[in-house]
Amino acid sequence: MADRAALAAFLRARREALQPEDVGLSRGRRRRTGGLRREEVAALCDMSVDYYSRLEQPRGPNPSEQMLAAIARGLHLSLEECDLLFQLAGHALPRRVPGGDHIAPGMMRILDRLEDTPAQVMNHLGETLRQTRPAVALLGDQTAHTGLARSSHYRWFTDPGARLVHPEQDHAEQSRLMVADLHSAYSRDGRDSRAAELVDALNRESPEFAAIWRERPVLGPYCATKRFHHPQVGTLELHCQTLVDPDQSQRLVVYTAAPGTESHTNLRLLSLLPVM
């Protein structure tokens, strides 16, 4: 059973403890409160201000598990705080799986400071959990997919549109990288895992994947330069830097360009484009 009063108190305490700088926001001159405003938290959680405000008052509907997950991300909750949030809302504790959707607060703080850079948090199955605005402009909204299609590995071999982001002459190399990355996840997680589910599906649906899988490719350097094709700014040569969080089986991927290059100029233009 939900404890509405305790849930409201918990949400208020976490909101007031967070500083604007913790979530990549500007403090501004007229801020009277030490923590975040309700409208700021609502925006971080992708929900209306009215809905979030009613949770803190407390009144309104009992939040669903999806809403609670959004609140956990928006408030940068730790795993223990996330468990408490679910308990107070009267839900069973979220099931812990390797590479789940919960992003560690430290990783979130880093991502929030990269608002002008293409960056995204992904799990070891190639599922994008959160993106900066420039990353959406570069790669599209990769968080909107469901089912097996959440995995970029799966989309690469089953959806021709997923390949448009890279020049055609780079597709063969990218295919090997995708298979090698999934092979690493499969080797660690074993047969009874989501990685195995992806491998089985791709072996059935993609002859290209099946042929490369039989070769058991191994991952090379993470920071190799990749070429991206964007319909408005053209081709960009970007360095892919990766920060791995071993405890969460997640990685923060950041795309940068060498200063003084055409790609560096185009990358700055990309950050100015409206996100559709």
C-alpha atoms as a PDB file:
ATOM      1  CA  MET A   1       0.000   0.000   0.000  1.00  0.00           C
ATOM      2  CA  ALA A   2       1.260   3.434  -0.902  1.00  0.00           C
ATOM      3  CA  ASP A   3       2.307   5.865   1.825  1.00  0.00           C
ATOM      4  CA  ARG A   4       1.343   9.145   0.137  1.00  0.00           C
ATOM      5  CA  ALA A   5       2.610  11.423   2.914  1.00  0.00           C
ATOM      6  CA  ALA A   6       5.984   9.684   3.121  1.00  0.00           C
ATOM      7  CA  LEU A   7       6.292   9.653  -0.680  1.00  0.00           C
ATOM      8  CA  ALA A   8       5.590  13.398  -0.822  1.00  0.00           C
ATOM      9  CA  ALA A   9       8.130  14.109   1.912  1.00  0.00           C
ATOM     10  CA  PHE A  10      10.750  11.980   0.161  1.00  0.00           C
ATOM     11  CA  LEU A  11      10.228  13.752  -3.174  1.00  0.00           C
ATOM     12  CA  ARG A  12      10.446  17.177  -1.552  1.00  0.00           C
ATOM     13  CA  ALA A  13      13.627  16.237   0.301  1.00  0.00           C
ATOM     14  CA  ARG A  14      15.325  14.920  -2.842  1.00  0.00           C
ATOM     15  CA  ARG A  15      14.245  17.959  -4.892  1.00  0.00           C
ATOM     16  CA  GLU A  16      15.525  20.390  -2.273  1.00  0.00           C
ATOM     17  CA  ALA A  17      18.830  18.508  -1.965  1.00  0.00           C
ATOM     18  CA  LEU A  18      19.579  18.765  -5.691  1.00  0.00           C
ATOM     19  CA  GLN A  19      21.306  21.909  -6.922  1.00  0.00           C
ATOM     20  CA  PRO A  20      20.762  23.291 -10.436  1.00  0.00           C
ATOM     21  CA  GLU A  21      24.399  22.601 -11.250  1.00  0.00           C
ATOM     22  CA  ASP A  22      23.859  18.925 -10.369  1.00  0.00           C
ATOM     23  CA  VAL A  23      21.495  18.507 -13.313  1.00  0.00           C
ATOM     24  CA  GLY A  24      23.134  20.847 -15.812  1.00  0.00           C
ATOM     25  CA  LEU A  25      20.909  23.881 -15.141  1.00  0.00           C
ATOM     26  CA  SER A  26      21.914  27.499 -14.588  1.00  0.00           C
ATOM     27  CA  ARG A  27      21.301  28.840 -11.094  1.00  0.00           C
ATOM     28  CA  GLY A  28      20.270  32.310 -12.251  1.00  0.00           C
ATOM     29  CA  ARG A  29      20.102  35.475 -10.180  1.00  0.00           C
ATOM     30  CA  ARG A  30      16.535  35.312  -8.872  1.00  0.00           C
ATOM     31  CA  ARG A  31      16.580  31.825  -7.360  1.00  0.00           C
ATOM     32  CA  ARG A  32      15.283  31.965  -3.802  1.00  0.00           C
ATOM     33  CA  THR A  33      15.286  28.261  -3.017  1.00  0.00           C
ATOM     34  CA  GLY A  34      18.464  26.273  -2.495  1.00  0.00           C
ATOM     35  CA  GLY A  35      17.281  23.246  -4.435  1.00  0.00           C
ATOM     36  CA  LEU A  36      15.358  22.709  -7.649  1.00  0.00           C
ATOM     37  CA  ARG A  37      11.973  24.157  -8.474  1.00  0.00           C
ATOM     38  CA  ARG A  38       9.038  21.833  -9.053  1.00  0.00           C
ATOM     39  CA  GLU A  39       8.788  22.863 -12.710  1.00  0.00           C
ATOM     40  CA  GLU A  40      12.463  21.991 -13.196  1.00  0.00           C
ATOM     41  CA  VAL A  41      12.000  18.527 -11.730  1.00  0.00           C
ATOM     42  CA  ALA A  42       8.871  17.989 -13.829  1.00  0.00           C
ATOM     43  CA  ALA A  43      10.843  18.838 -16.973  1.00  0.00           C
ATOM     44  CA  LEU A  44      13.654  16.488 -15.971  1.00  0.00           C
ATOM     45  CA  CYS A  45      11.079  13.723 -15.422  1.00  0.00           C
ATOM     46  CA  ASP A  46       9.196  14.419 -18.683  1.00  0.00           C
ATOM     47  CA  MET A  47       5.898  15.018 -16.925  1.00  0.00           C
ATOM     48  CA  SER A  48       3.575  17.954 -16.341  1.00  0.00           C
ATOM     49  CA  VAL A  49       4.201  20.377 -13.499  1.00  0.00           C
ATOM     50  CA  ASP A  50       0.659  19.762 -12.238  1.00  0.00           C
ATOM     51  CA  TYR A  51       1.196  15.991 -12.043  1.00  0.00           C
ATOM     52  CA  TYR A  52       4.478  16.292 -10.164  1.00  0.00           C
ATOM     53  CA  SER A  53       3.123  18.991  -7.841  1.00  0.00           C
ATOM     54  CA  ARG A  54       0.209  16.778  -6.828  1.00  0.00           C
ATOM     55  CA  LEU A  55       2.653  14.038  -5.853  1.00  0.00           C
ATOM     56  CA  GLU A  56       4.392  16.407  -3.439  1.00  0.00           C
ATOM     57  CA  GLN A  57       1.213  17.821  -1.856  1.00  0.00           C
ATOM     58  CA  PRO A  58       0.229  14.797  -1.671  1.00  0.00           C
ATOM     59  CA  ARG A  59      -2.810  14.122  -3.833  1.00  0.00           C
ATOM     60  CA  GLY A  60      -3.627  12.839  -7.283  1.00  0.00           C
ATOM     61  CA  PRO A  61      -3.162   9.369  -8.795  1.00  0.00           C
ATOM     62  CA  ASN A  62      -0.702   6.808  -7.548  1.00  0.00           C
ATOM     63  CA  PRO A  63       2.256   6.886  -9.975  1.00  0.00           C
ATOM     64  CA  SER A  64       2.834   3.904 -12.241  1.00  0.00           C
ATOM     65  CA  GLU A  65       6.124   2.030 -12.401  1.00  0.00           C
ATOM     66  CA  GLN A  66       6.953   3.917 -15.609  1.00  0.00           C
ATOM     67  CA  MET A  67       6.365   7.247 -13.884  1.00  0.00           C
ATOM     68  CA  LEU A  68       8.464   6.166 -10.903  1.00  0.00           C
ATOM     69  CA  ALA A  69      11.319   5.186 -13.213  1.00  0.00           C
ATOM     70  CA  ALA A  70      11.126   8.628 -14.834  1.00  0.00           C
ATOM     71  CA  ILE A  71      11.177  10.307 -11.409  1.00  0.00           C
ATOM     72  CA  ALA A  72      14.186   8.209 -10.369  1.00  0.00           C
ATOM     73  CA  ARG A  73      16.084   9.389 -13.440  1.00  0.00           C
ATOM     74  CA  GLY A  74      15.003  13.005 -13.075  1.00  0.00           C
ATOM     75  CA  LEU A  75      15.981  13.191  -9.396  1.00  0.00           C
ATOM     76  CA  HIS A  76      19.234  11.256  -9.983  1.00  0.00           C
ATOM     77  CA  LEU A  77      18.338   8.640  -7.388  1.00  0.00           C
ATOM     78  CA  SER A  78      20.751   5.931  -6.338  1.00  0.00           C
ATOM     79  CA  LEU A  79      19.643   2.296  -6.523  1.00  0.00           C
ATOM     80  CA  GLU A  80      18.813   2.325  -2.818  1.00  0.00           C
ATOM     81  CA  GLU A  81      16.790   5.529  -3.151  1.00  0.00           C
ATOM     82  CA  CYS A  82      15.041   4.093  -6.184  1.00  0.00           C
ATOM     83  CA  ASP A  83      14.013   1.044  -4.139  1.00  0.00           C
ATOM     84  CA  LEU A  84      12.638   3.320  -1.417  1.00  0.00           C
ATOM     85  CA  LEU A  85      10.697   5.344  -3.996  1.00  0.00           C
ATOM     86  CA  PHE A  86       8.981   2.196  -5.285  1.00  0.00           C
ATOM     87  CA  GLN A  87       8.222   1.022  -1.747  1.00  0.00           C
ATOM     88  CA  LEU A  88       6.633   4.331  -0.727  1.00  0.00           C
ATOM     89  CA  ALA A  89       4.485   4.276  -3.885  1.00  0.00           C
ATOM     90  CA  GLY A  90       3.240   0.766  -3.034  1.00  0.00           C
ATOM     91  CA  HIS A  91       5.016  -1.073  -5.855  1.00  0.00           C
ATOM     92  CA  ALA A  92       7.243  -4.122  -5.787  1.00  0.00           C
ATOM     93  CA  LEU A  93      10.957  -3.350  -5.969  1.00  0.00           C
ATOM     94  CA  PRO A  94      12.214  -3.060  -9.547  1.00  0.00           C
ATOM     95  CA  ARG A  95      13.957  -6.196 -10.751  1.00  0.00           C
ATOM     96  CA  ARG A  96      17.712  -5.725 -10.965  1.00  0.00           C
ATOM     97  CA  VAL A  97      19.215  -6.946 -14.213  1.00  0.00           C
ATOM     98  CA  PRO A  98      22.704  -6.319 -15.625  1.00  0.00           C
ATOM     99  CA  GLY A  99      22.613  -3.307 -17.893  1.00  0.00           C
ATOM    100  CA  GLY A 100      19.179  -2.216 -16.694  1.00  0.00           C
ATOM    101  CA  ASP A 101      17.662   1.205 -17.256  1.00  0.00           C
ATOM    102  CA  HIS A 102      18.759   2.821 -14.000  1.00  0.00           C
ATOM    103  CA  ILE A 103      21.596   5.290 -14.616  1.00  0.00           C
ATOM    104  CA  ALA A 104      24.026   5.876 -11.759  1.00  0.00           C
ATOM    105  CA  PRO A 105      23.819   9.442 -10.352  1.00  0.00           C
ATOM    106  CA  GLY A 106      27.507  10.045 -11.100  1.00  0.00           C
ATOM    107  CA  MET A 107      27.001   9.140 -14.749  1.00  0.00           C
ATOM    108  CA  MET A 108      23.970  11.402 -14.913  1.00  0.00           C
ATOM    109  CA  ARG A 109      25.941  14.334 -13.470  1.00  0.00           C
ATOM    110  CA  ILE A 110      28.581  13.958 -16.164  1.00  0.00           C
ATOM    111  CA  LEU A 111      25.976  13.706 -18.927  1.00  0.00           C
ATOM    112  CA  ASP A 112      24.182  16.830 -17.665  1.00  0.00           C
ATOM    113  CA  ARG A 113      27.376  18.826 -18.132  1.00  0.00           C
ATOM    114  CA  LEU A 114      27.633  17.836 -21.790  1.00  0.00           C
ATOM    115  CA  GLU A 115      24.564  19.696 -22.977  1.00  0.00           C
ATOM    116  CA  ASP A 116      26.411  21.169 -25.998  1.00  0.00           C
ATOM    117  CA  THR A 117      28.030  17.850 -27.008  1.00  0.00           C
ATOM    118  CA  PRO A 118      26.622  14.701 -28.638  1.00  0.00           C
ATOM    119  CA  ALA A 119      26.655  12.190 -25.793  1.00  0.00           C
ATOM    120  CA  GLN A 120      24.484   9.334 -24.617  1.00  0.00           C
ATOM    121  CA  VAL A 121      24.309   6.644 -21.960  1.00  0.00           C
ATOM    122  CA  MET A 122      23.932   3.102 -23.301  1.00  0.00           C
ATOM    123  CA  ASN A 123      23.873  -0.308 -21.683  1.00  0.00           C
ATOM    124  CA  HIS A 124      25.933  -3.267 -22.828  1.00  0.00           C
ATOM    125  CA  LEU A 125      23.142  -4.418 -25.167  1.00  0.00           C
ATOM    126  CA  GLY A 126      23.314  -1.223 -27.203  1.00  0.00           C
ATOM    127  CA  GLU A 127      20.130   0.219 -25.688  1.00  0.00           C
ATOM    128  CA  THR A 128      20.222   4.006 -25.377  1.00  0.00           C
ATOM    129  CA  LEU A 129      18.941   5.184 -22.012  1.00  0.00           C
ATOM    130  CA  ARG A 130      19.458   8.922 -22.272  1.00  0.00           C
ATOM    131  CA  GLN A 131      20.799  11.387 -24.860  1.00  0.00           C
ATOM    132  CA  THR A 132      21.859  14.990 -24.941  1.00  0.00           C
ATOM    133  CA  ARG A 133      20.069  17.253 -27.393  1.00  0.00           C
ATOM    134  CA  PRO A 134      23.018  17.293 -29.862  1.00  0.00           C
ATOM    135  CA  ALA A 135      23.082  13.479 -29.763  1.00  0.00           C
ATOM    136  CA  VAL A 136      19.431  13.420 -30.810  1.00  0.00           C
ATOM    137  CA  ALA A 137      20.259  15.875 -33.607  1.00  0.00           C
ATOM    138  CA  LEU A 138      23.114  13.623 -34.772  1.00  0.00           C
ATOM    139  CA  LEU A 139      21.596  10.159 -34.318  1.00  0.00           C
ATOM    140  CA  GLY A 140      17.860  10.668 -33.864  1.00  0.00           C
ATOM    141  CA  ASP A 141      15.879   9.805 -30.736  1.00  0.00           C
ATOM    142  CA  GLN A 142      17.223   6.367 -29.878  1.00  0.00           C
ATOM    143  CA  THR A 143      15.269   6.124 -26.621  1.00  0.00           C
ATOM    144  CA  ALA A 144      11.878   5.831 -28.335  1.00  0.00           C
ATOM    145  CA  HIS A 145      12.265   2.219 -29.494  1.00  0.00           C
ATOM    146  CA  THR A 146      10.647  -0.755 -27.770  1.00  0.00           C
ATOM    147  CA  GLY A 147      11.225  -4.506 -27.613  1.00  0.00           C
ATOM    148  CA  LEU A 148      14.262  -5.937 -29.363  1.00  0.00           C
ATOM    149  CA  ALA A 149      14.463  -2.741 -31.431  1.00  0.00           C
ATOM    150  CA  ARG A 150      15.708  -0.894 -28.343  1.00  0.00           C
ATOM    151  CA  SER A 151      19.096  -2.405 -29.166  1.00  0.00           C
ATOM    152  CA  SER A 152      21.153  -0.566 -31.788  1.00  0.00           C
ATOM    153  CA  HIS A 153      22.683  -3.967 -32.626  1.00  0.00           C
ATOM    154  CA  TYR A 154      19.277  -5.337 -33.537  1.00  0.00           C
ATOM    155  CA  ARG A 155      18.247  -2.265 -35.527  1.00  0.00           C
ATOM    156  CA  TRP A 156      21.506  -2.259 -37.493  1.00  0.00           C
ATOM    157  CA  PHE A 157      20.832  -5.711 -38.926  1.00  0.00           C
ATOM    158  CA  THR A 158      17.050  -5.523 -39.303  1.00  0.00           C
ATOM    159  CA  ASP A 159      16.206  -1.904 -40.164  1.00  0.00           C
ATOM    160  CA  PRO A 160      17.871  -0.427 -43.294  1.00  0.00           C
ATOM    161  CA  GLY A 161      17.089   3.065 -42.011  1.00  0.00           C
ATOM    162  CA  ALA A 162      19.409   2.521 -39.061  1.00  0.00           C
ATOM    163  CA  ARG A 163      22.382   2.465 -41.431  1.00  0.00           C
ATOM    164  CA  LEU A 164      21.763   5.864 -42.980  1.00  0.00           C
ATOM    165  CA  VAL A 165      23.749   7.571 -40.216  1.00  0.00           C
ATOM    166  CA  HIS A 166      27.019   6.061 -41.541  1.00  0.00           C
ATOM    167  CA  PRO A 167      28.433   6.253 -45.102  1.00  0.00           C
ATOM    168  CA  GLU A 168      27.763   3.064 -47.041  1.00  0.00           C
ATOM    169  CA  GLN A 169      31.454   2.261 -47.450  1.00  0.00           C
ATOM    170  CA  ASP A 170      31.752   2.025 -43.651  1.00  0.00           C
ATOM    171  CA  HIS A 171      28.870  -0.409 -43.189  1.00  0.00           C
ATOM    172  CA  ALA A 172      30.931  -3.610 -43.298  1.00  0.00           C
ATOM    173  CA  GLU A 173      33.280  -2.409 -40.566  1.00  0.00           C
ATOM    174  CA  GLN A 174      30.384  -1.159 -38.474  1.00  0.00           C
ATOM    175  CA  SER A 175      28.661  -4.546 -38.802  1.00  0.00           C
ATOM    176  CA  ARG A 176      31.729  -6.313 -37.414  1.00  0.00           C
ATOM    177  CA  LEU A 177      31.913  -3.846 -34.521  1.00  0.00           C
ATOM    178  CA  MET A 178      28.242  -4.448 -33.712  1.00  0.00           C
ATOM    179  CA  VAL A 179      28.657  -8.226 -33.709  1.00  0.00           C
ATOM    180  CA  ALA A 180      31.858  -8.052 -31.659  1.00  0.00           C
ATOM    181  CA  ASP A 181      30.184  -5.846 -29.063  1.00  0.00           C
ATOM    182  CA  LEU A 182      27.203  -8.185 -28.760  1.00  0.00           C
ATOM    183  CA  HIS A 183      29.520 -11.202 -28.616  1.00  0.00           C
ATOM    184  CA  SER A 184      31.254  -9.627 -25.609  1.00  0.00           C
ATOM    185  CA  ALA A 185      27.903  -9.172 -23.838  1.00  0.00           C
ATOM    186  CA  TYR A 186      26.826 -12.720 -24.705  1.00  0.00           C
ATOM    187  CA  SER A 187      30.087 -14.241 -23.440  1.00  0.00           C
ATOM    188  CA  ARG A 188      29.652 -12.499 -20.097  1.00  0.00           C
ATOM    189  CA  ASP A 189      25.905 -12.988 -19.598  1.00  0.00           C
ATOM    190  CA  GLY A 190      25.511 -16.554 -20.903  1.00  0.00           C
ATOM    191  CA  ARG A 191      22.708 -18.473 -22.584  1.00  0.00           C
ATOM    192  CA  ASP A 192      19.881 -17.463 -20.266  1.00  0.00           C
ATOM    193  CA  SER A 193      20.179 -13.726 -20.820  1.00  0.00           C
ATOM    194  CA  ARG A 194      18.791 -10.873 -22.863  1.00  0.00           C
ATOM    195  CA  ALA A 195      22.037 -10.861 -24.834  1.00  0.00           C
ATOM    196  CA  ALA A 196      21.317 -14.459 -25.858  1.00  0.00           C
ATOM    197  CA  GLU A 197      17.778 -13.470 -26.863  1.00  0.00           C
ATOM    198  CA  LEU A 198      19.224 -10.816 -29.180  1.00  0.00           C
ATOM    199  CA  VAL A 199      21.758 -13.242 -30.647  1.00  0.00           C
ATOM    200  CA  ASP A 200      19.114 -15.893 -31.310  1.00  0.00           C
ATOM    201  CA  ALA A 201      16.790 -13.375 -32.987  1.00  0.00           C
ATOM    202  CA  LEU A 202      19.536 -11.930 -35.174  1.00  0.00           C
ATOM    203  CA  ASN A 203      20.798 -15.363 -36.203  1.00  0.00           C
ATOM    204  CA  ARG A 204      17.279 -16.097 -37.428  1.00  0.00           C
ATOM    205  CA  GLU A 205      16.588 -12.761 -39.084  1.00  0.00           C
ATOM    206  CA  SER A 206      19.906 -11.611 -40.535  1.00  0.00           C
ATOM    207  CA  PRO A 207      22.166 -13.795 -42.716  1.00  0.00           C
ATOM    208  CA  GLU A 208      24.815 -11.059 -42.495  1.00  0.00           C
ATOM    209  CA  PHE A 209      24.806 -11.201 -38.703  1.00  0.00           C
ATOM    210  CA  ALA A 210      24.877 -15.010 -38.697  1.00  0.00           C
ATOM    211  CA  ALA A 211      27.898 -15.105 -41.020  1.00  0.00           C
ATOM    212  CA  ILE A 212      29.893 -12.632 -38.921  1.00  0.00           C
ATOM    213  CA  TRP A 213      28.798 -14.280 -35.660  1.00  0.00           C
ATOM    214  CA  ARG A 214      30.354 -17.571 -36.742  1.00  0.00           C
ATOM    215  CA  GLU A 215      33.710 -15.763 -36.973  1.00  0.00           C
ATOM    216  CA  ARG A 216      33.528 -14.683 -33.310  1.00  0.00           C
ATOM    217  CA  PRO A 217      34.997 -11.183 -33.886  1.00  0.00           C
ATOM    218  CA  VAL A 218      36.709  -9.376 -30.998  1.00  0.00           C
ATOM    219  CA  LEU A 219      36.336  -5.692 -30.172  1.00  0.00           C
ATOM    220  CA  GLY A 220      39.166  -3.374 -31.104  1.00  0.00           C
ATOM    221  CA  PRO A 221      39.917   0.138 -29.728  1.00  0.00           C
ATOM    222  CA  TYR A 222      36.896   2.022 -28.395  1.00  0.00           C
ATOM    223  CA  CYS A 223      38.160   5.434 -29.483  1.00  0.00           C
ATOM    224  CA  ALA A 224      38.502   4.821 -33.217  1.00  0.00           C
ATOM    225  CA  THR A 225      37.305   7.626 -35.482  1.00  0.00           C
ATOM    226  CA  LYS A 226      33.857   7.096 -36.995  1.00  0.00           C
ATOM    227  CA  ARG A 227      32.221   8.843 -39.915  1.00  0.00           C
ATOM    228  CA  PHE A 228      28.626  10.031 -39.623  1.00  0.00           C
ATOM    229  CA  HIS A 229      26.403  11.316 -42.389  1.00  0.00           C
ATOM    230  CA  HIS A 230      23.925  14.025 -41.486  1.00  0.00           C
ATOM    231  CA  PRO A 231      21.391  15.252 -44.073  1.00  0.00           C
ATOM    232  CA  GLN A 232      21.875  18.920 -43.119  1.00  0.00           C
ATOM    233  CA  VAL A 233      25.531  19.332 -42.160  1.00  0.00           C
ATOM    234  CA  GLY A 234      27.077  16.555 -44.251  1.00  0.00           C
ATOM    235  CA  THR A 235      29.757  14.059 -43.225  1.00  0.00           C
ATOM    236  CA  LEU A 236      31.425  14.353 -39.830  1.00  0.00           C
ATOM    237  CA  GLU A 237      34.537  12.490 -38.659  1.00  0.00           C
ATOM    238  CA  LEU A 238      34.114  12.087 -34.920  1.00  0.00           C
ATOM    239  CA  HIS A 239      36.128  10.499 -32.156  1.00  0.00           C
ATOM    240  CA  CYS A 240      34.080   8.165 -29.968  1.00  0.00           C
ATOM    241  CA  GLN A 241      35.214   8.385 -26.334  1.00  0.00           C
ATOM    242  CA  THR A 242      33.683   5.913 -23.896  1.00  0.00           C
ATOM    243  CA  LEU A 243      33.419   6.006 -20.112  1.00  0.00           C
ATOM    244  CA  VAL A 244      32.366   2.647 -18.675  1.00  0.00           C
ATOM    245  CA  ASP A 245      30.509   2.194 -15.387  1.00  0.00           C
ATOM    246  CA  PRO A 246      31.243  -1.447 -14.482  1.00  0.00           C
ATOM    247  CA  ASP A 247      28.655  -1.627 -11.699  1.00  0.00           C
ATOM    248  CA  GLN A 248      25.799  -0.718 -14.034  1.00  0.00           C
ATOM    249  CA  SER A 249      27.129  -2.378 -17.212  1.00  0.00           C
ATOM    250  CA  GLN A 250      26.627   0.981 -18.871  1.00  0.00           C
ATOM    251  CA  ARG A 251      28.778   3.331 -20.889  1.00  0.00           C
ATOM    252  CA  LEU A 252      28.764   7.040 -21.520  1.00  0.00           C
ATOM    253  CA  VAL A 253      29.597   7.630 -25.186  1.00  0.00           C
ATOM    254  CA  VAL A 254      30.822  11.098 -26.169  1.00  0.00           C
ATOM    255  CA  TYR A 255      31.410  12.236 -29.752  1.00  0.00           C
ATOM    256  CA  THR A 256      34.009  14.943 -30.385  1.00  0.00           C
ATOM    257  CA  ALA A 257      35.818  16.408 -33.400  1.00  0.00           C
ATOM    258  CA  ALA A 258      39.400  17.628 -33.702  1.00  0.00           C
ATOM    259  CA  PRO A 259      39.567  21.454 -33.341  1.00  0.00           C
ATOM    260  CA  GLY A 260      40.154  23.346 -36.561  1.00  0.00           C
ATOM    261  CA  THR A 261      38.632  20.670 -38.774  1.00  0.00           C
ATOM    262  CA  GLU A 262      35.549  20.923 -40.943  1.00  0.00           C
ATOM    263  CA  SER A 263      33.913  18.288 -38.745  1.00  0.00           C
ATOM    264  CA  HIS A 264      34.481  20.500 -35.693  1.00  0.00           C
ATOM    265  CA  THR A 265      32.707  23.386 -37.413  1.00  0.00           C
ATOM    266  CA  ASN A 266      29.862  21.133 -38.574  1.00  0.00           C
ATOM    267  CA  LEU A 267      29.492  19.677 -35.104  1.00  0.00           C
ATOM    268  CA  ARG A 268      28.954  23.166 -33.698  1.00  0.00           C
ATOM    269  CA  LEU A 269      26.353  23.820 -36.399  1.00  0.00           C
ATOM    270  CA  LEU A 270      24.642  20.576 -35.457  1.00  0.00           C
ATOM    271  CA  SER A 271      24.108  21.761 -31.892  1.00  0.00           C
ATOM    272  CA  LEU A 272      22.117  24.727 -33.262  1.00  0.00           C
ATOM    273  CA  LEU A 273      19.702  22.666 -35.322  1.00  0.00           C
ATOM    274  CA  PRO A 274      16.155  22.148 -34.018  1.00  0.00           C
ATOM    275  CA  VAL A 275      15.457  18.593 -32.860  1.00  0.00           C
ATOM    276  CA  MET A 276      12.451  17.088 -34.633  1.00  0.00           C
END
